[in-house]
Amino acid sequence: MELIKHYFSDLDDNQLLQFEKLNELYQDWNLKINVVSRKDIDEIYLRHVLHSLGIAKVQSFKPGASILDVGTGGGFPGIPLAILFPETQFHLVDSIGKKIKVVEEVSEGLRLKNVKVTNDRVENIDGQYDFIVSRAVAQMETFVRWVKGKIAKKSEHELKNGILYLKGGDLTEELALYTSAKIYDLKDYFKEEFYETKKVVHFPLKYKG
């Protein structure tokens, strides 16, 4: 929790309370449904919460913006981002029912009013979003195909509407096709060793009418 306070020093009392409660909720739910590995659950703030919030270091979301979290798993990066941006709408999607159950319960436990949860494949989701976020659920080429046609036409943020993808390692080969993609190293924002090879990839996507 100290990590979150250190890197995000302007959180209000309610946000601090939600971030604190998040740990308790995940610890409890993870005993029933294993959505976070045992090793990671003890370092949930370092490996999951702060990692998710790395996206916010690259782009702050405006009030009224809509964000789609694809393959959210146990609710990352969507839940931490929804706490950080309470006036931004988040749609968390995963095809695995038991994971979505945890996301629903955690979201309810945190009283997040800006989170919608859907148990389905992303290809079946209708609607347009300012940004699509995810934590390395597929190769970029596959991911781009999944989210085709889901980007809003009007861009209102510093970065153009598109994908904000949390990835690790050497991305040279994977991103060779995507010359407009920009890589942000999380080690530039977070000093912990865990972030040495972690990155946020921004890939602008055009609206398809």
N, C-alpha and C. Protein backbone atom coordinates (compact mmCIF):
# COMPACT_ATOMS: atom_id res chain seq x y z
N MET A 1 0.83 -1.21 0.00
CA MET A 1 0.00 0.00 0.00
C MET A 1 0.87 1.27 0.00
N GLU A 2 2.01 1.18 0.69
CA GLU A 2 2.92 2.34 0.71
C GLU A 2 3.42 2.69 -0.69
N LEU A 3 3.57 1.67 -1.53
CA LEU A 3 3.98 1.89 -2.92
C LEU A 3 2.97 2.77 -3.65
N ILE A 4 1.70 2.47 -3.45
CA ILE A 4 0.64 3.23 -4.14
C ILE A 4 0.65 4.67 -3.67
N LYS A 5 0.77 4.86 -2.35
CA LYS A 5 0.81 6.22 -1.80
C LYS A 5 2.02 7.00 -2.30
N HIS A 6 3.14 6.28 -2.43
CA HIS A 6 4.38 6.92 -2.88
C HIS A 6 4.26 7.44 -4.31
N TYR A 7 3.74 6.60 -5.20
CA TYR A 7 3.68 6.98 -6.62
C TYR A 7 2.43 7.76 -7.01
N PHE A 8 1.41 7.69 -6.16
CA PHE A 8 0.16 8.43 -6.42
C PHE A 8 -0.22 9.17 -5.15
N SER A 9 0.45 10.30 -4.95
CA SER A 9 0.37 11.01 -3.67
C SER A 9 -0.88 11.88 -3.52
N ASP A 10 -1.66 12.04 -4.59
CA ASP A 10 -2.82 12.93 -4.50
C ASP A 10 -4.15 12.18 -4.39
N LEU A 11 -4.12 10.95 -3.89
CA LEU A 11 -5.36 10.17 -3.73
C LEU A 11 -6.19 10.76 -2.59
N ASP A 12 -7.52 10.77 -2.76
CA ASP A 12 -8.37 11.25 -1.67
C ASP A 12 -8.63 10.11 -0.67
N ASP A 13 -9.31 10.43 0.42
CA ASP A 13 -9.53 9.45 1.49
C ASP A 13 -10.28 8.22 1.01
N ASN A 14 -11.26 8.45 0.15
CA ASN A 14 -12.06 7.33 -0.36
C ASN A 14 -11.21 6.40 -1.23
N GLN A 15 -10.38 6.98 -2.08
CA GLN A 15 -9.50 6.17 -2.93
C GLN A 15 -8.50 5.37 -2.09
N LEU A 16 -7.95 6.00 -1.06
CA LEU A 16 -7.01 5.30 -0.18
C LEU A 16 -7.70 4.12 0.51
N LEU A 17 -8.92 4.36 0.93
CA LEU A 17 -9.71 3.31 1.59
C LEU A 17 -9.97 2.15 0.62
N GLN A 18 -10.31 2.50 -0.63
CA GLN A 18 -10.59 1.47 -1.64
C GLN A 18 -9.33 0.66 -1.96
N PHE A 19 -8.20 1.34 -2.10
CA PHE A 19 -6.95 0.61 -2.37
C PHE A 19 -6.57 -0.30 -1.21
N GLU A 20 -6.83 0.15 0.01
CA GLU A 20 -6.53 -0.68 1.18
C GLU A 20 -7.45 -1.90 1.23
N LYS A 21 -8.73 -1.66 0.96
CA LYS A 21 -9.72 -2.74 1.03
C LYS A 21 -9.52 -3.77 -0.09
N LEU A 22 -8.99 -3.31 -1.20
CA LEU A 22 -8.75 -4.18 -2.36
C LEU A 22 -7.93 -5.41 -1.96
N ASN A 23 -6.89 -5.21 -1.18
CA ASN A 23 -6.04 -6.33 -0.75
C ASN A 23 -6.84 -7.37 0.03
N GLU A 24 -7.61 -6.91 0.98
CA GLU A 24 -8.44 -7.80 1.82
C GLU A 24 -9.43 -8.60 0.97
N LEU A 25 -10.06 -7.92 0.01
CA LEU A 25 -11.04 -8.60 -0.85
C LEU A 25 -10.39 -9.66 -1.72
N TYR A 26 -9.25 -9.34 -2.30
CA TYR A 26 -8.57 -10.33 -3.15
C TYR A 26 -8.03 -11.50 -2.34
N GLN A 27 -7.49 -11.21 -1.15
CA GLN A 27 -7.00 -12.30 -0.29
C GLN A 27 -8.14 -13.27 0.01
N ASP A 28 -9.29 -12.71 0.33
CA ASP A 28 -10.46 -13.51 0.69
C ASP A 28 -10.97 -14.33 -0.50
N TRP A 29 -11.13 -13.66 -1.63
CA TRP A 29 -11.66 -14.35 -2.82
C TRP A 29 -10.68 -15.35 -3.41
N ASN A 30 -9.40 -15.07 -3.25
CA ASN A 30 -8.40 -15.97 -3.82
C ASN A 30 -8.37 -17.32 -3.11
N LEU A 31 -8.84 -17.36 -1.87
CA LEU A 31 -8.95 -18.63 -1.15
C LEU A 31 -10.06 -19.50 -1.74
N LYS A 32 -11.09 -18.83 -2.29
CA LYS A 32 -12.24 -19.55 -2.87
C LYS A 32 -12.02 -19.88 -4.34
N ILE A 33 -11.55 -18.88 -5.07
CA ILE A 33 -11.31 -19.05 -6.52
C ILE A 33 -9.92 -18.49 -6.81
N ASN A 34 -9.03 -19.35 -7.24
CA ASN A 34 -7.63 -18.93 -7.43
C ASN A 34 -7.46 -18.09 -8.71
N VAL A 35 -7.51 -16.78 -8.55
CA VAL A 35 -7.35 -15.90 -9.73
C VAL A 35 -5.98 -15.24 -9.77
N VAL A 36 -5.31 -15.22 -8.63
CA VAL A 36 -3.95 -14.66 -8.57
C VAL A 36 -3.06 -15.75 -7.97
N SER A 37 -1.86 -15.95 -8.55
CA SER A 37 -1.00 -17.02 -8.04
C SER A 37 -0.63 -16.75 -6.58
N ARG A 38 -0.35 -17.82 -5.84
CA ARG A 38 -0.04 -17.68 -4.41
C ARG A 38 1.14 -16.76 -4.16
N LYS A 39 2.12 -16.84 -5.03
CA LYS A 39 3.31 -15.99 -4.89
C LYS A 39 2.93 -14.52 -5.08
N ASP A 40 2.08 -14.27 -6.07
CA ASP A 40 1.71 -12.90 -6.40
C ASP A 40 0.73 -12.28 -5.42
N ILE A 41 -0.13 -13.08 -4.80
CA ILE A 41 -1.16 -12.52 -3.91
C ILE A 41 -0.52 -11.78 -2.73
N ASP A 42 0.66 -12.26 -2.30
CA ASP A 42 1.36 -11.60 -1.19
C ASP A 42 2.05 -10.31 -1.62
N GLU A 43 2.18 -10.13 -2.93
CA GLU A 43 2.79 -8.90 -3.45
C GLU A 43 1.82 -8.22 -4.42
N ILE A 44 0.56 -8.23 -4.03
CA ILE A 44 -0.49 -7.75 -4.94
C ILE A 44 -0.31 -6.29 -5.33
N TYR A 45 0.18 -5.48 -4.40
CA TYR A 45 0.37 -4.06 -4.73
C TYR A 45 1.51 -3.87 -5.73
N LEU A 46 2.60 -4.58 -5.55
CA LEU A 46 3.74 -4.46 -6.46
C LEU A 46 3.45 -5.05 -7.83
N ARG A 47 2.95 -6.29 -7.85
CA ARG A 47 2.86 -7.05 -9.09
C ARG A 47 1.55 -6.85 -9.87
N HIS A 48 0.53 -6.37 -9.22
CA HIS A 48 -0.77 -6.24 -9.89
C HIS A 48 -1.32 -4.81 -9.86
N VAL A 49 -1.42 -4.24 -8.66
CA VAL A 49 -2.05 -2.92 -8.55
C VAL A 49 -1.17 -1.84 -9.19
N LEU A 50 0.08 -1.75 -8.76
CA LEU A 50 0.96 -0.72 -9.32
C LEU A 50 1.21 -0.96 -10.81
N HIS A 51 1.34 -2.23 -11.19
CA HIS A 51 1.52 -2.57 -12.60
C HIS A 51 0.36 -2.03 -13.43
N SER A 52 -0.86 -2.26 -12.95
CA SER A 52 -2.06 -1.75 -13.64
C SER A 52 -2.03 -0.24 -13.76
N LEU A 53 -1.59 0.42 -12.68
CA LEU A 53 -1.57 1.88 -12.65
C LEU A 53 -0.45 2.47 -13.51
N GLY A 54 0.45 1.61 -14.01
CA GLY A 54 1.47 2.08 -14.94
C GLY A 54 0.85 2.74 -16.16
N ILE A 55 -0.33 2.28 -16.55
CA ILE A 55 -1.05 2.87 -17.69
C ILE A 55 -1.35 4.34 -17.41
N ALA A 56 -1.68 4.65 -16.14
CA ALA A 56 -2.01 6.03 -15.77
C ALA A 56 -0.81 6.97 -15.83
N LYS A 57 0.40 6.40 -15.74
CA LYS A 57 1.60 7.23 -15.87
C LYS A 57 1.83 7.66 -17.32
N VAL A 58 1.27 6.86 -18.23
CA VAL A 58 1.39 7.15 -19.66
C VAL A 58 0.24 8.03 -20.14
N GLN A 59 -0.97 7.76 -19.62
CA GLN A 59 -2.15 8.53 -20.02
C GLN A 59 -3.16 8.61 -18.88
N SER A 60 -3.50 9.83 -18.46
CA SER A 60 -4.60 10.03 -17.50
C SER A 60 -5.91 10.01 -18.28
N PHE A 61 -6.92 9.36 -17.71
CA PHE A 61 -8.22 9.30 -18.39
C PHE A 61 -9.13 10.43 -17.92
N LYS A 62 -9.82 11.04 -18.85
CA LYS A 62 -10.68 12.18 -18.53
C LYS A 62 -12.04 11.72 -18.02
N PRO A 63 -12.71 12.58 -17.24
CA PRO A 63 -14.08 12.26 -16.83
C PRO A 63 -14.95 12.04 -18.06
N GLY A 64 -15.78 11.01 -18.00
CA GLY A 64 -16.67 10.70 -19.11
C GLY A 64 -16.06 9.81 -20.18
N ALA A 65 -14.75 9.57 -20.11
CA ALA A 65 -14.11 8.67 -21.08
C ALA A 65 -14.57 7.24 -20.83
N SER A 66 -14.48 6.40 -21.86
CA SER A 66 -14.86 4.99 -21.70
C SER A 66 -13.69 4.10 -22.06
N ILE A 67 -13.43 3.13 -21.18
CA ILE A 67 -12.26 2.25 -21.31
C ILE A 67 -12.73 0.80 -21.29
N LEU A 68 -12.24 0.01 -22.24
CA LEU A 68 -12.55 -1.42 -22.29
C LEU A 68 -11.33 -2.21 -21.83
N ASP A 69 -11.51 -3.05 -20.81
CA ASP A 69 -10.43 -3.91 -20.31
C ASP A 69 -10.68 -5.33 -20.81
N VAL A 70 -9.82 -5.78 -21.73
CA VAL A 70 -10.01 -7.07 -22.40
C VAL A 70 -9.21 -8.17 -21.70
N GLY A 71 -9.88 -9.28 -21.38
CA GLY A 71 -9.22 -10.38 -20.68
C GLY A 71 -8.78 -9.92 -19.31
N THR A 72 -9.71 -9.29 -18.60
CA THR A 72 -9.39 -8.66 -17.31
C THR A 72 -8.93 -9.63 -16.23
N GLY A 73 -9.21 -10.92 -16.41
CA GLY A 73 -8.80 -11.91 -15.41
C GLY A 73 -9.46 -11.62 -14.09
N GLY A 74 -8.66 -11.38 -13.06
CA GLY A 74 -9.22 -11.05 -11.74
C GLY A 74 -9.56 -9.58 -11.58
N GLY A 75 -9.43 -8.79 -12.67
CA GLY A 75 -9.80 -7.37 -12.59
C GLY A 75 -8.64 -6.42 -12.81
N PHE A 76 -7.61 -6.89 -13.49
CA PHE A 76 -6.43 -6.06 -13.75
C PHE A 76 -6.21 -5.90 -15.26
N PRO A 77 -6.00 -4.67 -15.71
CA PRO A 77 -5.76 -3.44 -14.96
C PRO A 77 -7.00 -2.65 -14.57
N GLY A 78 -8.19 -3.13 -14.94
CA GLY A 78 -9.41 -2.33 -14.82
C GLY A 78 -9.77 -1.83 -13.43
N ILE A 79 -9.72 -2.71 -12.42
CA ILE A 79 -10.15 -2.31 -11.07
C ILE A 79 -9.26 -1.20 -10.48
N PRO A 80 -7.94 -1.36 -10.45
CA PRO A 80 -7.12 -0.25 -9.93
C PRO A 80 -7.32 1.07 -10.70
N LEU A 81 -7.45 0.96 -12.03
CA LEU A 81 -7.67 2.18 -12.83
C LEU A 81 -9.02 2.82 -12.53
N ALA A 82 -10.02 1.99 -12.26
CA ALA A 82 -11.36 2.51 -11.93
C ALA A 82 -11.35 3.25 -10.59
N ILE A 83 -10.52 2.79 -9.66
CA ILE A 83 -10.37 3.51 -8.39
C ILE A 83 -9.70 4.86 -8.63
N LEU A 84 -8.65 4.84 -9.45
CA LEU A 84 -7.87 6.06 -9.71
C LEU A 84 -8.67 7.10 -10.50
N PHE A 85 -9.54 6.63 -11.40
CA PHE A 85 -10.33 7.54 -12.25
C PHE A 85 -11.82 7.28 -12.03
N PRO A 86 -12.38 7.76 -10.91
CA PRO A 86 -13.78 7.45 -10.56
C PRO A 86 -14.83 8.01 -11.51
N GLU A 87 -14.43 9.00 -12.33
CA GLU A 87 -15.40 9.60 -13.26
C GLU A 87 -15.24 9.08 -14.69
N THR A 88 -14.41 8.08 -14.84
CA THR A 88 -14.22 7.41 -16.13
C THR A 88 -14.95 6.07 -16.09
N GLN A 89 -15.58 5.69 -17.19
CA GLN A 89 -16.35 4.44 -17.23
C GLN A 89 -15.47 3.28 -17.71
N PHE A 90 -15.50 2.19 -16.97
CA PHE A 90 -14.69 1.01 -17.31
C PHE A 90 -15.59 -0.20 -17.57
N HIS A 91 -15.31 -0.89 -18.66
CA HIS A 91 -16.04 -2.11 -19.02
C HIS A 91 -15.03 -3.26 -18.99
N LEU A 92 -15.17 -4.15 -18.02
CA LEU A 92 -14.23 -5.25 -17.82
C LEU A 92 -14.81 -6.53 -18.40
N VAL A 93 -14.07 -7.15 -19.31
CA VAL A 93 -14.57 -8.31 -20.04
C VAL A 93 -13.62 -9.50 -19.91
N ASP A 94 -14.17 -10.67 -19.65
CA ASP A 94 -13.38 -11.90 -19.66
C ASP A 94 -14.30 -13.05 -20.02
N SER A 95 -13.75 -14.03 -20.76
CA SER A 95 -14.58 -15.17 -21.20
C SER A 95 -14.68 -16.26 -20.13
N ILE A 96 -13.88 -16.14 -19.04
CA ILE A 96 -13.90 -17.17 -17.99
C ILE A 96 -14.80 -16.72 -16.84
N GLY A 97 -15.88 -17.45 -16.66
CA GLY A 97 -16.92 -17.09 -15.70
C GLY A 97 -16.46 -16.93 -14.27
N LYS A 98 -15.60 -17.83 -13.80
CA LYS A 98 -15.21 -17.76 -12.38
C LYS A 98 -14.36 -16.52 -12.10
N LYS A 99 -13.60 -16.08 -13.09
CA LYS A 99 -12.80 -14.87 -12.91
C LYS A 99 -13.71 -13.64 -12.85
N ILE A 100 -14.70 -13.63 -13.73
CA ILE A 100 -15.65 -12.52 -13.76
C ILE A 100 -16.45 -12.44 -12.46
N LYS A 101 -16.75 -13.58 -11.87
CA LYS A 101 -17.44 -13.62 -10.58
C LYS A 101 -16.63 -12.86 -9.52
N VAL A 102 -15.32 -13.10 -9.49
CA VAL A 102 -14.45 -12.40 -8.54
C VAL A 102 -14.45 -10.90 -8.82
N VAL A 103 -14.34 -10.53 -10.10
CA VAL A 103 -14.35 -9.11 -10.49
C VAL A 103 -15.63 -8.43 -10.02
N GLU A 104 -16.75 -9.10 -10.23
CA GLU A 104 -18.04 -8.54 -9.79
C GLU A 104 -18.07 -8.32 -8.28
N GLU A 105 -17.61 -9.31 -7.54
CA GLU A 105 -17.64 -9.24 -6.08
C GLU A 105 -16.67 -8.17 -5.55
N VAL A 106 -15.49 -8.09 -6.14
CA VAL A 106 -14.52 -7.09 -5.71
C VAL A 106 -15.04 -5.68 -6.03
N SER A 107 -15.57 -5.52 -7.23
CA SER A 107 -16.13 -4.23 -7.64
C SER A 107 -17.25 -3.78 -6.70
N GLU A 108 -18.10 -4.74 -6.34
CA GLU A 108 -19.21 -4.46 -5.42
C GLU A 108 -18.68 -4.13 -4.03
N GLY A 109 -17.69 -4.91 -3.58
CA GLY A 109 -17.10 -4.69 -2.26
C GLY A 109 -16.43 -3.33 -2.14
N LEU A 110 -15.91 -2.82 -3.25
CA LEU A 110 -15.25 -1.51 -3.27
C LEU A 110 -16.24 -0.38 -3.58
N ARG A 111 -17.49 -0.76 -3.87
CA ARG A 111 -18.56 0.18 -4.24
C ARG A 111 -18.16 1.05 -5.43
N LEU A 112 -17.63 0.40 -6.44
CA LEU A 112 -17.24 1.11 -7.67
C LEU A 112 -18.47 1.30 -8.55
N LYS A 113 -18.84 2.55 -8.76
CA LYS A 113 -20.04 2.86 -9.57
C LYS A 113 -19.70 2.99 -11.06
N ASN A 114 -18.42 2.97 -11.37
CA ASN A 114 -17.98 3.23 -12.76
C ASN A 114 -17.47 1.97 -13.46
N VAL A 115 -17.87 0.80 -12.94
CA VAL A 115 -17.40 -0.46 -13.52
C VAL A 115 -18.57 -1.31 -13.99
N LYS A 116 -18.48 -1.75 -15.24
CA LYS A 116 -19.44 -2.70 -15.81
C LYS A 116 -18.65 -3.97 -16.11
N VAL A 117 -19.25 -5.12 -15.82
CA VAL A 117 -18.54 -6.39 -15.96
C VAL A 117 -19.32 -7.31 -16.90
N THR A 118 -18.63 -7.94 -17.86
CA THR A 118 -19.29 -8.84 -18.81
C THR A 118 -18.49 -10.14 -18.96
N ASN A 119 -19.20 -11.25 -18.87
CA ASN A 119 -18.59 -12.57 -19.10
C ASN A 119 -18.86 -12.97 -20.56
N ASP A 120 -17.87 -12.70 -21.43
CA ASP A 120 -18.03 -13.00 -22.86
C ASP A 120 -16.68 -12.83 -23.55
N ARG A 121 -16.64 -13.25 -24.79
CA ARG A 121 -15.46 -12.98 -25.63
C ARG A 121 -15.56 -11.54 -26.13
N VAL A 122 -14.43 -10.88 -26.25
CA VAL A 122 -14.44 -9.47 -26.62
C VAL A 122 -15.04 -9.25 -28.02
N GLU A 123 -14.90 -10.25 -28.89
CA GLU A 123 -15.46 -10.12 -30.25
C GLU A 123 -16.96 -9.90 -30.22
N ASN A 124 -17.61 -10.35 -29.16
CA ASN A 124 -19.08 -10.22 -29.06
C ASN A 124 -19.54 -8.94 -28.38
N ILE A 125 -18.59 -8.10 -27.98
CA ILE A 125 -18.92 -6.86 -27.27
C ILE A 125 -19.19 -5.75 -28.29
N ASP A 126 -20.32 -5.07 -28.12
CA ASP A 126 -20.65 -3.92 -28.98
C ASP A 126 -20.20 -2.63 -28.30
N GLY A 127 -20.11 -1.58 -29.07
CA GLY A 127 -19.80 -0.27 -28.51
C GLY A 127 -18.40 0.19 -28.88
N GLN A 128 -18.19 1.51 -28.68
CA GLN A 128 -16.90 2.12 -28.97
C GLN A 128 -16.30 2.71 -27.69
N TYR A 129 -14.98 2.68 -27.63
CA TYR A 129 -14.27 3.10 -26.42
C TYR A 129 -13.11 4.01 -26.79
N ASP A 130 -12.75 4.90 -25.85
CA ASP A 130 -11.59 5.78 -26.08
C ASP A 130 -10.29 4.97 -26.10
N PHE A 131 -10.18 4.08 -25.11
CA PHE A 131 -8.99 3.24 -25.05
C PHE A 131 -9.36 1.81 -24.70
N ILE A 132 -8.56 0.89 -25.20
CA ILE A 132 -8.71 -0.53 -24.85
C ILE A 132 -7.43 -0.92 -24.11
N VAL A 133 -7.60 -1.38 -22.87
CA VAL A 133 -6.45 -1.73 -22.04
C VAL A 133 -6.41 -3.24 -21.82
N SER A 134 -5.20 -3.75 -21.54
CA SER A 134 -5.06 -5.18 -21.28
C SER A 134 -3.67 -5.48 -20.75
N ARG A 135 -3.57 -6.65 -20.11
CA ARG A 135 -2.26 -7.12 -19.64
C ARG A 135 -1.85 -8.37 -20.42
N ALA A 136 -1.26 -8.15 -21.57
CA ALA A 136 -0.63 -9.23 -22.35
C ALA A 136 -1.44 -10.51 -22.47
N VAL A 137 -2.68 -10.38 -22.92
CA VAL A 137 -3.52 -11.58 -23.07
C VAL A 137 -3.28 -12.30 -24.39
N ALA A 138 -2.66 -11.62 -25.35
CA ALA A 138 -2.41 -12.24 -26.66
C ALA A 138 -1.31 -11.45 -27.38
N GLN A 139 -0.78 -12.04 -28.46
CA GLN A 139 0.14 -11.32 -29.33
C GLN A 139 -0.59 -10.11 -29.90
N MET A 140 0.14 -9.04 -30.17
CA MET A 140 -0.48 -7.79 -30.63
C MET A 140 -1.34 -7.99 -31.87
N GLU A 141 -0.87 -8.79 -32.82
CA GLU A 141 -1.62 -9.01 -34.06
C GLU A 141 -3.00 -9.62 -33.78
N THR A 142 -3.03 -10.61 -32.89
CA THR A 142 -4.29 -11.26 -32.51
C THR A 142 -5.18 -10.26 -31.78
N PHE A 143 -4.58 -9.52 -30.85
CA PHE A 143 -5.34 -8.57 -30.03
C PHE A 143 -5.99 -7.49 -30.90
N VAL A 144 -5.24 -6.97 -31.85
CA VAL A 144 -5.77 -5.94 -32.76
C VAL A 144 -6.98 -6.48 -33.53
N ARG A 145 -6.89 -7.74 -33.94
CA ARG A 145 -8.02 -8.36 -34.65
C ARG A 145 -9.25 -8.47 -33.74
N TRP A 146 -9.03 -8.85 -32.51
CA TRP A 146 -10.15 -8.99 -31.54
C TRP A 146 -10.91 -7.68 -31.35
N VAL A 147 -10.17 -6.56 -31.28
CA VAL A 147 -10.79 -5.29 -30.88
C VAL A 147 -11.13 -4.38 -32.06
N LYS A 148 -11.03 -4.92 -33.24
CA LYS A 148 -11.32 -4.13 -34.45
C LYS A 148 -12.73 -3.54 -34.38
N GLY A 149 -12.83 -2.26 -34.72
CA GLY A 149 -14.14 -1.60 -34.76
C GLY A 149 -14.66 -1.13 -33.41
N LYS A 150 -13.81 -1.19 -32.38
CA LYS A 150 -14.29 -0.84 -31.04
C LYS A 150 -13.69 0.48 -30.51
N ILE A 151 -13.11 1.25 -31.41
CA ILE A 151 -12.49 2.51 -30.99
C ILE A 151 -13.39 3.69 -31.36
N ALA A 152 -13.59 4.60 -30.41
CA ALA A 152 -14.43 5.79 -30.62
C ALA A 152 -13.77 6.74 -31.63
N LYS A 153 -14.61 7.45 -32.36
CA LYS A 153 -14.12 8.32 -33.43
C LYS A 153 -13.39 9.56 -32.90
N LYS A 154 -13.99 10.21 -31.88
CA LYS A 154 -13.45 11.48 -31.40
C LYS A 154 -12.38 11.24 -30.34
N SER A 155 -11.19 11.77 -30.58
CA SER A 155 -10.07 11.61 -29.65
C SER A 155 -9.96 12.84 -28.78
N GLU A 156 -10.00 12.67 -27.44
CA GLU A 156 -10.01 13.83 -26.54
C GLU A 156 -8.87 13.79 -25.52
N HIS A 157 -7.95 12.87 -25.68
CA HIS A 157 -6.82 12.76 -24.75
C HIS A 157 -5.53 13.17 -25.45
N GLU A 158 -4.45 13.27 -24.67
CA GLU A 158 -3.15 13.63 -25.26
C GLU A 158 -2.72 12.58 -26.28
N LEU A 159 -2.89 11.32 -25.91
CA LEU A 159 -2.60 10.23 -26.85
C LEU A 159 -3.83 9.96 -27.70
N LYS A 160 -3.61 9.52 -28.91
CA LYS A 160 -4.75 9.18 -29.79
C LYS A 160 -5.45 7.94 -29.27
N ASN A 161 -6.76 7.87 -29.51
CA ASN A 161 -7.53 6.69 -29.11
C ASN A 161 -6.89 5.42 -29.65
N GLY A 162 -6.95 4.36 -28.86
CA GLY A 162 -6.37 3.10 -29.31
C GLY A 162 -6.11 2.15 -28.16
N ILE A 163 -5.06 1.36 -28.30
CA ILE A 163 -4.72 0.32 -27.32
C ILE A 163 -3.63 0.81 -26.38
N LEU A 164 -3.79 0.51 -25.09
CA LEU A 164 -2.73 0.70 -24.09
C LEU A 164 -2.50 -0.67 -23.47
N TYR A 165 -1.36 -1.25 -23.79
CA TYR A 165 -1.11 -2.67 -23.53
C TYR A 165 0.07 -2.84 -22.59
N LEU A 166 -0.12 -3.55 -21.49
CA LEU A 166 0.97 -3.85 -20.57
C LEU A 166 1.69 -5.11 -21.03
N LYS A 167 2.96 -4.96 -21.37
CA LYS A 167 3.74 -6.10 -21.88
C LYS A 167 5.13 -6.10 -21.22
N GLY A 168 5.83 -7.22 -21.36
CA GLY A 168 7.18 -7.32 -20.83
C GLY A 168 8.14 -7.86 -21.87
N GLY A 169 9.44 -7.71 -21.60
CA GLY A 169 10.45 -8.30 -22.48
C GLY A 169 10.73 -7.52 -23.75
N ASP A 170 11.36 -8.19 -24.70
CA ASP A 170 11.74 -7.58 -25.97
C ASP A 170 10.56 -7.64 -26.94
N LEU A 171 10.08 -6.49 -27.35
CA LEU A 171 8.87 -6.44 -28.21
C LEU A 171 9.20 -6.12 -29.67
N THR A 172 10.49 -6.09 -30.02
CA THR A 172 10.92 -5.68 -31.37
C THR A 172 10.21 -6.46 -32.46
N GLU A 173 10.23 -7.77 -32.35
CA GLU A 173 9.64 -8.63 -33.38
C GLU A 173 8.12 -8.50 -33.42
N GLU A 174 7.52 -8.55 -32.23
CA GLU A 174 6.06 -8.50 -32.15
C GLU A 174 5.48 -7.20 -32.70
N LEU A 175 6.21 -6.11 -32.52
CA LEU A 175 5.69 -4.80 -32.95
C LEU A 175 6.25 -4.33 -34.29
N ALA A 176 6.96 -5.21 -34.97
CA ALA A 176 7.58 -4.84 -36.26
C ALA A 176 6.56 -4.31 -37.26
N LEU A 177 5.36 -4.90 -37.25
CA LEU A 177 4.30 -4.48 -38.19
C LEU A 177 3.68 -3.14 -37.81
N TYR A 178 3.85 -2.75 -36.55
CA TYR A 178 3.09 -1.60 -36.02
C TYR A 178 4.02 -0.41 -35.81
N THR A 179 4.31 0.29 -36.89
CA THR A 179 5.29 1.38 -36.84
C THR A 179 4.78 2.58 -36.03
N SER A 180 3.47 2.69 -35.85
CA SER A 180 2.95 3.84 -35.08
C SER A 180 2.85 3.53 -33.58
N ALA A 181 3.22 2.31 -33.19
CA ALA A 181 3.18 1.95 -31.77
C ALA A 181 4.34 2.62 -31.04
N LYS A 182 4.06 3.09 -29.83
CA LYS A 182 5.11 3.70 -29.01
C LYS A 182 5.24 2.92 -27.71
N ILE A 183 6.49 2.66 -27.31
CA ILE A 183 6.75 1.89 -26.09
C ILE A 183 7.20 2.83 -24.98
N TYR A 184 6.56 2.68 -23.82
CA TYR A 184 6.94 3.43 -22.62
C TYR A 184 7.50 2.44 -21.61
N ASP A 185 8.72 2.66 -21.15
CA ASP A 185 9.34 1.77 -20.15
C ASP A 185 8.85 2.14 -18.76
N LEU A 186 8.28 1.16 -18.05
CA LEU A 186 7.79 1.45 -16.71
C LEU A 186 8.92 1.70 -15.71
N LYS A 187 10.13 1.27 -16.04
CA LYS A 187 11.27 1.55 -15.15
C LYS A 187 11.56 3.06 -15.08
N ASP A 188 11.04 3.83 -16.05
CA ASP A 188 11.18 5.29 -16.01
C ASP A 188 10.25 5.92 -14.99
N TYR A 189 9.26 5.17 -14.56
CA TYR A 189 8.27 5.70 -13.61
C TYR A 189 8.36 5.02 -12.24
N PHE A 190 8.69 3.73 -12.23
CA PHE A 190 8.75 2.95 -10.98
C PHE A 190 10.16 2.38 -10.82
N LYS A 191 10.75 2.58 -9.65
CA LYS A 191 12.15 2.19 -9.45
C LYS A 191 12.34 0.72 -9.04
N GLU A 192 11.27 0.02 -8.69
CA GLU A 192 11.38 -1.37 -8.23
C GLU A 192 11.89 -2.29 -9.36
N GLU A 193 12.69 -3.27 -8.97
CA GLU A 193 13.32 -4.19 -9.93
C GLU A 193 12.30 -4.91 -10.81
N PHE A 194 11.13 -5.18 -10.24
CA PHE A 194 10.06 -5.87 -10.98
C PHE A 194 9.74 -5.16 -12.30
N TYR A 195 9.95 -3.84 -12.35
CA TYR A 195 9.56 -3.06 -13.54
C TYR A 195 10.68 -2.87 -14.55
N GLU A 196 11.81 -3.49 -14.31
CA GLU A 196 12.97 -3.34 -15.19
C GLU A 196 12.65 -3.64 -16.65
N THR A 197 11.84 -4.67 -16.90
CA THR A 197 11.54 -5.06 -18.30
C THR A 197 10.07 -4.82 -18.67
N LYS A 198 9.31 -4.19 -17.77
CA LYS A 198 7.88 -4.00 -18.02
C LYS A 198 7.64 -2.72 -18.83
N LYS A 199 6.65 -2.81 -19.70
CA LYS A 199 6.39 -1.69 -20.60
C LYS A 199 4.88 -1.45 -20.78
N VAL A 200 4.55 -0.24 -21.22
CA VAL A 200 3.21 0.07 -21.72
C VAL A 200 3.37 0.37 -23.21
N VAL A 201 2.60 -0.31 -24.03
CA VAL A 201 2.62 -0.04 -25.47
C VAL A 201 1.37 0.73 -25.83
N HIS A 202 1.55 1.88 -26.47
CA HIS A 202 0.39 2.62 -27.00
C HIS A 202 0.36 2.42 -28.52
N PHE A 203 -0.78 1.93 -28.97
CA PHE A 203 -0.96 1.74 -30.41
C PHE A 203 -2.26 2.42 -30.84
N PRO A 204 -2.16 3.56 -31.56
CA PRO A 204 -3.39 4.24 -31.99
C PRO A 204 -4.15 3.41 -33.01
N LEU A 205 -5.46 3.39 -32.86
CA LEU A 205 -6.31 2.66 -33.80
C LEU A 205 -7.33 3.62 -34.40
N LYS A 206 -7.57 3.50 -35.68
CA LYS A 206 -8.54 4.39 -36.33
C LYS A 206 -9.96 3.87 -36.11
N TYR A 207 -10.87 4.82 -36.03
CA TYR A 207 -12.30 4.48 -35.95
C TYR A 207 -12.71 3.83 -37.25
N LYS A 208 -13.46 2.74 -37.14
CA LYS A 208 -14.00 2.08 -38.34
C LYS A 208 -15.52 2.24 -38.34
N GLY A 209 -16.02 3.11 -39.22
CA GLY A 209 -17.46 3.38 -39.25
C GLY A 209 -18.24 2.36 -40.03
